[in-house]
Amino acid sequence: MIPGDIPQWIVLSWLFVIGATIGSFLNVCIYRLPKYEGLWEAFTGLGNPPSSCPFCKERIRWHDNVPIFGWLLLMGRCRFCRHTIPVRYALIEFLNGALFVLLYVLIVPAGYTEPVSESCLWTSIGPLSLSTLPRSELILAVNLQYLYYLVLAEALLVATFIDFDLQIIPDSVTLPAGIVGVVGAVCFPKLWLTPVWLDGFHVPPWIAAYPMLHAFSVSIAGLVVGGGMIWVVRIAGRWILGQEAMGFGDVTLMAMVGTFVGWQASVLIFLFAPMCALIAIAGQWLFRRVYVIPYGPYLSAATLLVVLCWQQVWKSLHQVFELGPFLGLYFILMVVLLFVSLMIVQGVKWMLGIPLYPTDELEAWTSADQLTFFASYDRQAGRGALQRQEWPGSAAGQGRSQLNQWRS
């Protein structure tokens, strides 16, 4: 399904180069986006001031910014002051190039004559299996699917590293990507994974009659269900445990993911994310006694897992989403079980003599402390002195900036 029957190795080589180059830009996004409150300030701040060494303040030369090789040629040190440049920059560039290649290999079947059913996104009720497009338009549709989900992967990568660094997910990452999810679905109504609703084992006829309306409903349903599930967990944790179980940035992240994948895949991502996080959580608790971890990276990992294995995942679990109105009863049952399990946790803590709620004597490092600390923390220079009292990006980091603007 490669346009023009170009050899796959040529396409993949160019995609790796493009991906590594964009990875260099993503490094800038990861470092600068959390510093700003508004979307416009965040985007204008990406290019101003120009890239410079955080220690000697010298402008970085263009050939030192060549992805991966620039870091290797400098041997990981600044050209002027010889201070160490973190290897993470080169690793993100390499990772992004590999991500471009991996998505193309799995989404776009190799060769001009390969059937579209070889794509990891193909299902018997998917948009490409239900359509009667000529082969040229079918090839275009598959490649548009690649670009569409590539935007999702790029947003997830930026959100993951910001969440690892600061334990926040700014609006400047999730909101623009969510807009692309909705607008892209409406403009090219062959990008969705599954219909917004199934009539038993059949696809309702109105979906083919109103493709743009259906694509819009898929994105909006994914936004509501994806963000709503995390919001329920957030409310339950606050009500029963007396502390924040999920940050609002996780809510906006899953809402953004839902605009791309729809509500069915959002449910599966919500269920798979704890499995992705289990090993990391256990390791951190055993060796570092860390009780609070960023959950966004594991939501992102579960999203990529579900999207890239969608054909197999849907084949195994599609019966669950063909139950019609009974799905609502299952959702209510899941919410009840969530509250019951949290109450059981509180009961076990009570029997062991562990305080049920956070106390002043055992007060932990809060999200407010986190935001205040990183307001003046220079990640490249390694300085953490508190130089100003309020960080202008605090509301964006908590996912509240657009809500505050709407209220005012």
Foldseek 3Di string as FASTA:
>chain_A
DDPPQDAPVVVLVVLLQVQLLVLLLLVLLLQQQLQAADLVCSVVVSPPPHDAAPPPRHHDDPCLSRALVSCVVLVQADPPPRHGHDCVSNVSSNVRSVVSNLLCPQQQPRGLPDDNCSHLLDDCQALLNPDDDPSVVSNVLSVLLSVLVSLVLSLLVSQQSSCQVQVFGFCSSLVVLLVSLQVVCLVRLRNERHWLAAQQPHDDPVCVVCSNVRSNSQLQQQLCQQLVVVVLVQVLCCVQQVDGPAFNRSSSSSSSLSSRHGNVLSVQLVVCLCVQCVVVVVVCCVPPVDDDGRSSNSSSVSSVVCNSNVHVVCVVPVNLRSPPPCVVVVVVVVSVVSNVVSVVVLVVCVVVVHDSYDDPVNDDCDSVNSQQQVLPADVSVRDRDRDDRHRNSSCRRRVRSVVVVVVD
